[in-house]
Amino acid sequence: MSLQATQFATTFERLGRRMLAQLESLPEELWDWAPPSLPSDSLLTLATRLLAESEYWVLVTVGGQEMGGHYALEASAANVRATVLQRCERWFTQMHRVLGQLPDAIMNLFVAVPPAYQEAFGAESVTVRACLLYALEQSGLLVGRIECLGQVVATAERLRDEVSAR
């Protein structure tokens, strides 16, 4: 495994674990709640997006794998917590497997950019390194949104409890 690929894998996993920590800090019934006065997604929607986008960029674009079915994280699932944890662990394993096979030299090879992203990149192809940096950037932004929304949800829940206690 290349040193660069190891660093990417470690960072992706660290972001995923931060997402899990934020989710696990709140009651499961709040994971699918979005503030009505803010244009926002729920924690579960953001977590699904984080996993789907990072899986796409690492496994499909860099790893050349075919994506199986889209695994949406549903609040109505029998055990949402277990489903989220299982999907994250599967993502960590697959991501380490793909990045674990990349030598440093591959970081400078070009991969095709999907048409929907060509304007953002300003090109039809970018290096593997640029692709992984983009995926990390987007993952970091999503984890930031998850953490911020988690704080809003926790504060709203605490205020609701205080008002109910009076």
C-alpha atoms as a PDB file:
ATOM      1  CA  MET A   1       0.000   0.000   0.000  1.00  0.00           C
ATOM      2  CA  SER A   2       1.296   3.434  -0.800  1.00  0.00           C
ATOM      3  CA  LEU A   3       1.887   5.914   1.959  1.00  0.00           C
ATOM      4  CA  GLN A   4      -0.474   8.353   0.254  1.00  0.00           C
ATOM      5  CA  ALA A   5      -3.261   5.789  -0.090  1.00  0.00           C
ATOM      6  CA  THR A   6      -2.813   4.835   3.571  1.00  0.00           C
ATOM      7  CA  GLN A   7      -3.220   8.474   4.570  1.00  0.00           C
ATOM      8  CA  PHE A   8      -6.371   8.801   2.482  1.00  0.00           C
ATOM      9  CA  ALA A   9      -7.839   5.597   3.934  1.00  0.00           C
ATOM     10  CA  THR A  10      -7.056   6.687   7.494  1.00  0.00           C
ATOM     11  CA  THR A  11      -8.617  10.105   6.945  1.00  0.00           C
ATOM     12  CA  PHE A  12     -11.775   8.706   5.337  1.00  0.00           C
ATOM     13  CA  GLU A  13     -12.193   6.312   8.242  1.00  0.00           C
ATOM     14  CA  ARG A  14     -11.586   9.066  10.805  1.00  0.00           C
ATOM     15  CA  LEU A  15     -14.321  11.185   9.181  1.00  0.00           C
ATOM     16  CA  GLY A  16     -16.681   8.213   9.162  1.00  0.00           C
ATOM     17  CA  ARG A  17     -16.038   7.541  12.827  1.00  0.00           C
ATOM     18  CA  ARG A  18     -16.702  11.206  13.662  1.00  0.00           C
ATOM     19  CA  MET A  19     -20.030  10.877  11.857  1.00  0.00           C
ATOM     20  CA  LEU A  20     -20.856   7.731  13.844  1.00  0.00           C
ATOM     21  CA  ALA A  21     -19.891   9.403  17.124  1.00  0.00           C
ATOM     22  CA  GLN A  22     -22.225  12.312  16.389  1.00  0.00           C
ATOM     23  CA  LEU A  23     -25.112  10.004  15.534  1.00  0.00           C
ATOM     24  CA  GLU A  24     -24.535   7.833  18.586  1.00  0.00           C
ATOM     25  CA  SER A  25     -24.524  10.879  20.877  1.00  0.00           C
ATOM     26  CA  LEU A  26     -28.231  11.405  20.160  1.00  0.00           C
ATOM     27  CA  PRO A  27     -31.324   9.258  20.623  1.00  0.00           C
ATOM     28  CA  GLU A  28     -32.013   7.224  17.489  1.00  0.00           C
ATOM     29  CA  GLU A  29     -35.492   8.740  17.062  1.00  0.00           C
ATOM     30  CA  LEU A  30     -33.849  12.130  16.399  1.00  0.00           C
ATOM     31  CA  TRP A  31     -31.635  10.904  13.573  1.00  0.00           C
ATOM     32  CA  ASP A  32     -34.310  11.535  10.941  1.00  0.00           C
ATOM     33  CA  TRP A  33     -35.444  14.915  12.304  1.00  0.00           C
ATOM     34  CA  ALA A  34     -34.606  18.115  10.441  1.00  0.00           C
ATOM     35  CA  PRO A  35     -35.194  21.575  11.911  1.00  0.00           C
ATOM     36  CA  PRO A  36     -38.380  22.960  10.344  1.00  0.00           C
ATOM     37  CA  SER A  37     -37.129  26.560  10.248  1.00  0.00           C
ATOM     38  CA  LEU A  38     -33.792  25.771   8.607  1.00  0.00           C
ATOM     39  CA  PRO A  39     -33.182  24.491   5.094  1.00  0.00           C
ATOM     40  CA  SER A  40     -31.516  21.299   6.241  1.00  0.00           C
ATOM     41  CA  ASP A  41     -31.429  17.576   5.788  1.00  0.00           C
ATOM     42  CA  SER A  42     -31.733  15.145   8.666  1.00  0.00           C
ATOM     43  CA  LEU A  43     -28.665  13.544  10.227  1.00  0.00           C
ATOM     44  CA  LEU A  44     -29.642  10.276   8.556  1.00  0.00           C
ATOM     45  CA  THR A  45     -29.936  11.924   5.127  1.00  0.00           C
ATOM     46  CA  LEU A  46     -26.518  13.550   5.532  1.00  0.00           C
ATOM     47  CA  ALA A  47     -24.990  10.254   6.709  1.00  0.00           C
ATOM     48  CA  THR A  48     -26.452   8.462   3.674  1.00  0.00           C
ATOM     49  CA  ARG A  49     -25.062  11.139   1.368  1.00  0.00           C
ATOM     50  CA  LEU A  50     -21.610  10.969   2.987  1.00  0.00           C
ATOM     51  CA  LEU A  51     -21.435   7.204   2.546  1.00  0.00           C
ATOM     52  CA  ALA A  52     -22.869   7.203  -0.991  1.00  0.00           C
ATOM     53  CA  GLU A  53     -20.578   9.954  -2.268  1.00  0.00           C
ATOM     54  CA  SER A  54     -17.393   8.629  -0.677  1.00  0.00           C
ATOM     55  CA  GLU A  55     -18.202   5.092  -1.853  1.00  0.00           C
ATOM     56  CA  TYR A  56     -18.757   6.420  -5.369  1.00  0.00           C
ATOM     57  CA  TRP A  57     -15.508   8.393  -5.587  1.00  0.00           C
ATOM     58  CA  VAL A  58     -13.271   5.776  -3.959  1.00  0.00           C
ATOM     59  CA  LEU A  59     -14.818   2.476  -5.021  1.00  0.00           C
ATOM     60  CA  VAL A  60     -16.202   3.370  -8.447  1.00  0.00           C
ATOM     61  CA  THR A  61     -14.144   6.257  -9.809  1.00  0.00           C
ATOM     62  CA  VAL A  62     -10.765   5.257  -8.339  1.00  0.00           C
ATOM     63  CA  GLY A  63     -11.314   1.538  -7.707  1.00  0.00           C
ATOM     64  CA  GLY A  64     -13.198   0.785 -10.916  1.00  0.00           C
ATOM     65  CA  GLN A  65     -15.828  -1.259  -9.086  1.00  0.00           C
ATOM     66  CA  GLU A  66     -19.472  -1.512 -10.006  1.00  0.00           C
ATOM     67  CA  MET A  67     -21.791  -0.201  -7.334  1.00  0.00           C
ATOM     68  CA  GLY A  68     -24.381  -2.630  -6.108  1.00  0.00           C
ATOM     69  CA  GLY A  69     -27.782  -1.443  -5.006  1.00  0.00           C
ATOM     70  CA  HIS A  70     -28.067   1.938  -3.348  1.00  0.00           C
ATOM     71  CA  TYR A  71     -28.280   1.367   0.376  1.00  0.00           C
ATOM     72  CA  ALA A  72     -30.347   4.196   1.790  1.00  0.00           C
ATOM     73  CA  LEU A  73     -30.344   4.479   5.534  1.00  0.00           C
ATOM     74  CA  GLU A  74     -34.003   4.415   6.480  1.00  0.00           C
ATOM     75  CA  ALA A  75     -35.293   5.695   9.800  1.00  0.00           C
ATOM     76  CA  SER A  76     -38.048   3.083   9.555  1.00  0.00           C
ATOM     77  CA  ALA A  77     -35.568   0.187   9.495  1.00  0.00           C
ATOM     78  CA  ALA A  78     -35.948  -2.248  12.379  1.00  0.00           C
ATOM     79  CA  ASN A  79     -32.595  -1.268  13.915  1.00  0.00           C
ATOM     80  CA  VAL A  80     -31.290   1.957  12.382  1.00  0.00           C
ATOM     81  CA  ARG A  81     -28.263   2.089  14.686  1.00  0.00           C
ATOM     82  CA  ALA A  82     -27.111  -1.402  13.651  1.00  0.00           C
ATOM     83  CA  THR A  83     -27.807  -0.646   9.977  1.00  0.00           C
ATOM     84  CA  VAL A  84     -25.715   2.544  10.062  1.00  0.00           C
ATOM     85  CA  LEU A  85     -22.865   0.833  11.894  1.00  0.00           C
ATOM     86  CA  GLN A  86     -22.921  -2.128   9.496  1.00  0.00           C
ATOM     87  CA  ARG A  87     -22.893   0.103   6.415  1.00  0.00           C
ATOM     88  CA  CYS A  88     -20.002   2.178   7.816  1.00  0.00           C
ATOM     89  CA  GLU A  89     -17.949  -0.892   8.686  1.00  0.00           C
ATOM     90  CA  ARG A  90     -18.577  -2.313   5.187  1.00  0.00           C
ATOM     91  CA  TRP A  91     -17.468   1.019   3.682  1.00  0.00           C
ATOM     92  CA  PHE A  92     -14.302   1.097   5.823  1.00  0.00           C
ATOM     93  CA  THR A  93     -13.419  -2.458   4.778  1.00  0.00           C
ATOM     94  CA  GLN A  94     -14.039  -1.872   1.060  1.00  0.00           C
ATOM     95  CA  MET A  95     -12.227   1.460   1.095  1.00  0.00           C
ATOM     96  CA  HIS A  96      -9.154  -0.005   2.818  1.00  0.00           C
ATOM     97  CA  ARG A  97      -9.204  -2.901   0.339  1.00  0.00           C
ATOM     98  CA  VAL A  98      -9.278  -0.587  -2.717  1.00  0.00           C
ATOM     99  CA  LEU A  99      -6.795   1.958  -1.409  1.00  0.00           C
ATOM    100  CA  GLY A 100      -4.606  -0.770   0.036  1.00  0.00           C
ATOM    101  CA  GLN A 101      -3.798  -1.970  -3.476  1.00  0.00           C
ATOM    102  CA  LEU A 102      -2.732   1.406  -4.864  1.00  0.00           C
ATOM    103  CA  PRO A 103       0.974   2.084  -5.328  1.00  0.00           C
ATOM    104  CA  ASP A 104       2.152   5.699  -5.064  1.00  0.00           C
ATOM    105  CA  ALA A 105       2.629   5.919  -8.846  1.00  0.00           C
ATOM    106  CA  ILE A 106      -1.106   5.480  -9.416  1.00  0.00           C
ATOM    107  CA  MET A 107      -1.835   8.737  -7.610  1.00  0.00           C
ATOM    108  CA  ASN A 108      -0.624  10.603 -10.705  1.00  0.00           C
ATOM    109  CA  LEU A 109      -2.700   8.603 -13.207  1.00  0.00           C
ATOM    110  CA  PHE A 110      -5.861  10.120 -14.621  1.00  0.00           C
ATOM    111  CA  VAL A 111      -9.413   8.901 -14.078  1.00  0.00           C
ATOM    112  CA  ALA A 112     -12.519  10.016 -15.943  1.00  0.00           C
ATOM    113  CA  VAL A 113     -14.661  12.596 -14.183  1.00  0.00           C
ATOM    114  CA  PRO A 114     -18.403  11.923 -14.380  1.00  0.00           C
ATOM    115  CA  PRO A 115     -20.155  14.469 -16.631  1.00  0.00           C
ATOM    116  CA  ALA A 116     -22.062  16.003 -13.698  1.00  0.00           C
ATOM    117  CA  TYR A 117     -18.746  16.960 -12.030  1.00  0.00           C
ATOM    118  CA  GLN A 118     -16.725  18.067 -15.060  1.00  0.00           C
ATOM    119  CA  GLU A 119     -17.628  21.727 -14.579  1.00  0.00           C
ATOM    120  CA  ALA A 120     -16.526  21.619 -10.928  1.00  0.00           C
ATOM    121  CA  PHE A 121     -13.194  20.085 -11.904  1.00  0.00           C
ATOM    122  CA  GLY A 122     -12.864  22.059 -15.147  1.00  0.00           C
ATOM    123  CA  ALA A 123     -11.763  18.885 -16.903  1.00  0.00           C
ATOM    124  CA  GLU A 124     -12.956  15.534 -18.186  1.00  0.00           C
ATOM    125  CA  SER A 125     -10.261  13.714 -16.249  1.00  0.00           C
ATOM    126  CA  VAL A 126      -8.233  14.331 -13.097  1.00  0.00           C
ATOM    127  CA  THR A 127      -5.529  12.498 -11.228  1.00  0.00           C
ATOM    128  CA  VAL A 128      -6.428   9.834  -8.707  1.00  0.00           C
ATOM    129  CA  ARG A 129      -4.957  12.132  -6.046  1.00  0.00           C
ATOM    130  CA  ALA A 130      -7.229  15.034  -7.089  1.00  0.00           C
ATOM    131  CA  CYS A 131     -10.220  12.701  -7.093  1.00  0.00           C
ATOM    132  CA  LEU A 132      -9.461  11.453  -3.580  1.00  0.00           C
ATOM    133  CA  LEU A 133      -8.816  14.997  -2.338  1.00  0.00           C
ATOM    134  CA  TYR A 134     -12.189  16.073  -3.709  1.00  0.00           C
ATOM    135  CA  ALA A 135     -13.907  13.128  -2.020  1.00  0.00           C
ATOM    136  CA  LEU A 136     -12.181  13.969   1.287  1.00  0.00           C
ATOM    137  CA  GLU A 137     -13.157  17.623   0.953  1.00  0.00           C
ATOM    138  CA  GLN A 138     -16.814  16.724   0.372  1.00  0.00           C
ATOM    139  CA  SER A 139     -16.755  14.155   3.188  1.00  0.00           C
ATOM    140  CA  GLY A 140     -15.266  16.700   5.572  1.00  0.00           C
ATOM    141  CA  LEU A 141     -17.942  19.245   4.668  1.00  0.00           C
ATOM    142  CA  LEU A 142     -20.681  16.683   5.253  1.00  0.00           C
ATOM    143  CA  VAL A 143     -19.233  15.613   8.608  1.00  0.00           C
ATOM    144  CA  GLY A 144     -19.116  19.299   9.593  1.00  0.00           C
ATOM    145  CA  ARG A 145     -22.788  19.660   8.677  1.00  0.00           C
ATOM    146  CA  ILE A 146     -23.605  16.479  10.616  1.00  0.00           C
ATOM    147  CA  GLU A 147     -21.780  17.757  13.699  1.00  0.00           C
ATOM    148  CA  CYS A 148     -23.412  21.188  13.474  1.00  0.00           C
ATOM    149  CA  LEU A 149     -26.889  19.738  12.973  1.00  0.00           C
ATOM    150  CA  GLY A 150     -26.234  17.277  15.799  1.00  0.00           C
ATOM    151  CA  GLN A 151     -25.572  20.202  18.123  1.00  0.00           C
ATOM    152  CA  VAL A 152     -28.781  21.912  16.969  1.00  0.00           C
ATOM    153  CA  VAL A 153     -30.774  18.721  17.532  1.00  0.00           C
ATOM    154  CA  ALA A 154     -29.238  18.162  20.976  1.00  0.00           C
ATOM    155  CA  THR A 155     -29.934  21.764  22.006  1.00  0.00           C
ATOM    156  CA  ALA A 156     -33.523  21.600  20.725  1.00  0.00           C
ATOM    157  CA  GLU A 157     -34.072  18.333  22.606  1.00  0.00           C
ATOM    158  CA  ARG A 158     -32.623  19.795  25.814  1.00  0.00           C
ATOM    159  CA  LEU A 159     -34.799  22.941  25.512  1.00  0.00           C
ATOM    160  CA  ARG A 160     -37.888  20.801  24.876  1.00  0.00           C
ATOM    161  CA  ASP A 161     -37.118  18.778  27.995  1.00  0.00           C
ATOM    162  CA  GLU A 162     -36.622  21.954  30.073  1.00  0.00           C
ATOM    163  CA  VAL A 163     -39.932  23.415  28.880  1.00  0.00           C
ATOM    164  CA  SER A 164     -41.728  20.128  29.549  1.00  0.00           C
ATOM    165  CA  ALA A 165     -40.313  19.995  33.090  1.00  0.00           C
ATOM    166  CA  ARG A 166     -41.767  23.423  33.990  1.00  0.00           C
END
